[in-house]
Amino acid sequence: MTVPRLKAGIFVRALVRRAEVAGAQAFVVRKGAEEAGAILLKLNPLDGTCTVLSQARRGDGELVWVKPLGGPTVEDKARGYFEKQVRFDPDLWIVEIEDREGRSFVDEPVV
């Protein structure tokens, strides 16, 4: 069964709004393809580290978020990862969420 997909631009705008309503700050660092660009999140707890989340689909089509860098990392490593991914996929969105609690504001599981 195919799981319906929300347009990337709509998803990003809703995510930014959701974070802001909860008292966090969210910024679109890089705007990608409105219809179907992939989305990367940079969770910044304002302590000098960050966690990168990337969208993925399980075999059954369920959307999940994975930590491609393994967990909290330094800004330079995250920046290098983003640059590499943009070279591979120029339609990519990057959203940074600044939240001292490190919340992602996504409903899907982080695996």
Protein backbone atom coordinates (compact mmCIF):
# COMPACT_ATOMS: atom_id res chain seq x y z
CA MET A 1 0.00 0.00 0.00
CA THR A 2 1.32 3.44 -0.90
CA VAL A 3 1.30 6.01 1.88
CA PRO A 4 0.18 9.45 0.65
CA ARG A 5 2.89 12.08 0.67
CA LEU A 6 2.50 15.68 1.70
CA LYS A 7 4.18 18.29 -0.49
CA ALA A 8 7.55 19.26 0.95
CA GLY A 9 6.80 22.98 1.06
CA ILE A 10 3.57 22.45 2.99
CA PHE A 11 5.31 20.07 5.42
CA VAL A 12 8.12 22.56 6.07
CA ARG A 13 5.81 25.53 6.63
CA ALA A 14 3.69 23.47 9.05
CA LEU A 15 6.80 22.28 10.91
CA VAL A 16 8.12 25.84 11.29
CA ARG A 17 4.75 27.02 12.57
CA ARG A 18 4.47 24.08 14.98
CA ALA A 19 7.91 24.83 16.46
CA GLU A 20 7.17 28.54 16.83
CA VAL A 21 3.82 27.91 18.54
CA ALA A 22 5.68 25.72 21.08
CA GLY A 23 8.17 28.52 21.83
CA ALA A 24 11.09 27.34 19.68
CA GLN A 25 12.65 29.08 16.70
CA ALA A 26 12.68 27.39 13.29
CA PHE A 27 14.34 28.62 10.11
CA VAL A 28 14.37 27.44 6.53
CA VAL A 29 18.11 27.37 5.90
CA ARG A 30 17.71 26.06 2.36
CA LYS A 31 14.58 25.98 0.29
CA GLY A 32 14.21 22.95 -1.94
CA ALA A 33 11.67 21.73 -4.46
CA GLU A 34 8.16 22.74 -3.39
CA GLU A 35 6.52 19.53 -4.58
CA ALA A 36 8.81 16.71 -3.50
CA GLY A 37 12.18 17.85 -2.16
CA ALA A 38 13.78 15.77 0.58
CA ILE A 39 13.95 17.38 4.03
CA LEU A 40 16.82 17.48 6.52
CA LEU A 41 16.40 18.84 10.04
CA LYS A 42 19.10 20.35 12.20
CA LEU A 43 18.08 20.26 15.85
CA ASN A 44 20.08 22.87 17.73
CA PRO A 45 19.74 22.78 21.55
CA LEU A 46 21.95 25.90 21.76
CA ASP A 47 24.74 24.08 23.62
CA GLY A 48 27.32 23.94 20.81
CA THR A 49 26.06 20.63 19.42
CA CYS A 50 23.34 19.68 16.98
CA THR A 51 21.54 16.57 15.79
CA VAL A 52 20.76 15.98 12.12
CA LEU A 53 17.59 14.14 11.11
CA SER A 54 16.88 12.86 7.63
CA GLN A 55 13.62 11.54 6.21
CA ALA A 56 13.50 7.90 5.24
CA ARG A 57 10.81 5.38 4.34
CA ARG A 58 10.55 1.91 5.77
CA GLY A 59 9.78 -1.03 3.52
CA ASP A 60 6.05 -0.57 4.15
CA GLY A 61 6.24 3.10 3.07
CA GLU A 62 6.03 4.52 6.61
CA LEU A 63 7.88 7.82 7.04
CA VAL A 64 10.54 7.80 9.76
CA TRP A 65 13.43 10.09 10.68
CA VAL A 66 16.97 8.74 10.98
CA LYS A 67 20.11 10.24 12.51
CA PRO A 68 22.65 9.97 9.67
CA LEU A 69 25.47 11.29 11.85
CA GLY A 70 24.56 9.03 14.77
CA GLY A 71 23.50 11.58 17.36
CA PRO A 72 24.67 14.92 18.72
CA THR A 73 27.59 16.26 16.73
CA VAL A 74 29.52 19.50 16.17
CA GLU A 75 28.30 22.21 13.80
CA ASP A 76 31.16 21.72 11.31
CA LYS A 77 30.39 18.04 10.82
CA ALA A 78 26.70 18.83 10.25
CA ARG A 79 27.58 21.62 7.79
CA GLY A 80 29.84 19.24 5.84
CA TYR A 81 27.07 16.64 5.72
CA PHE A 82 24.57 19.23 4.42
CA GLU A 83 26.98 20.42 1.71
CA LYS A 84 27.53 16.85 0.54
CA GLN A 85 23.79 16.13 0.45
CA VAL A 86 23.01 19.34 -1.50
CA ARG A 87 25.58 18.36 -4.14
CA PHE A 88 23.81 15.00 -4.43
CA ASP A 89 20.24 16.42 -4.29
CA PRO A 90 19.83 20.10 -5.26
CA ASP A 91 16.08 19.93 -4.43
CA LEU A 92 16.85 19.40 -0.73
CA TRP A 93 15.26 21.42 2.09
CA ILE A 94 17.22 22.18 5.29
CA VAL A 95 15.33 23.36 8.38
CA GLU A 96 17.08 24.39 11.60
CA ILE A 97 15.14 24.22 14.85
CA GLU A 98 16.59 26.05 17.85
CA ASP A 99 15.10 24.57 21.00
CA ARG A 100 16.87 24.08 24.35
CA GLU A 101 14.89 20.84 24.85
CA GLY A 102 16.06 19.45 21.49
CA ARG A 103 12.52 18.73 20.27
CA SER A 104 12.05 17.84 16.60
CA PHE A 105 8.32 18.69 16.33
CA VAL A 106 7.71 15.79 13.95
CA ASP A 107 5.05 13.14 14.55
CA GLU A 108 6.88 10.32 12.81
CA PRO A 109 9.24 8.06 14.78
CA VAL A 110 12.93 8.94 15.08
CA VAL A 111 14.87 5.70 14.65
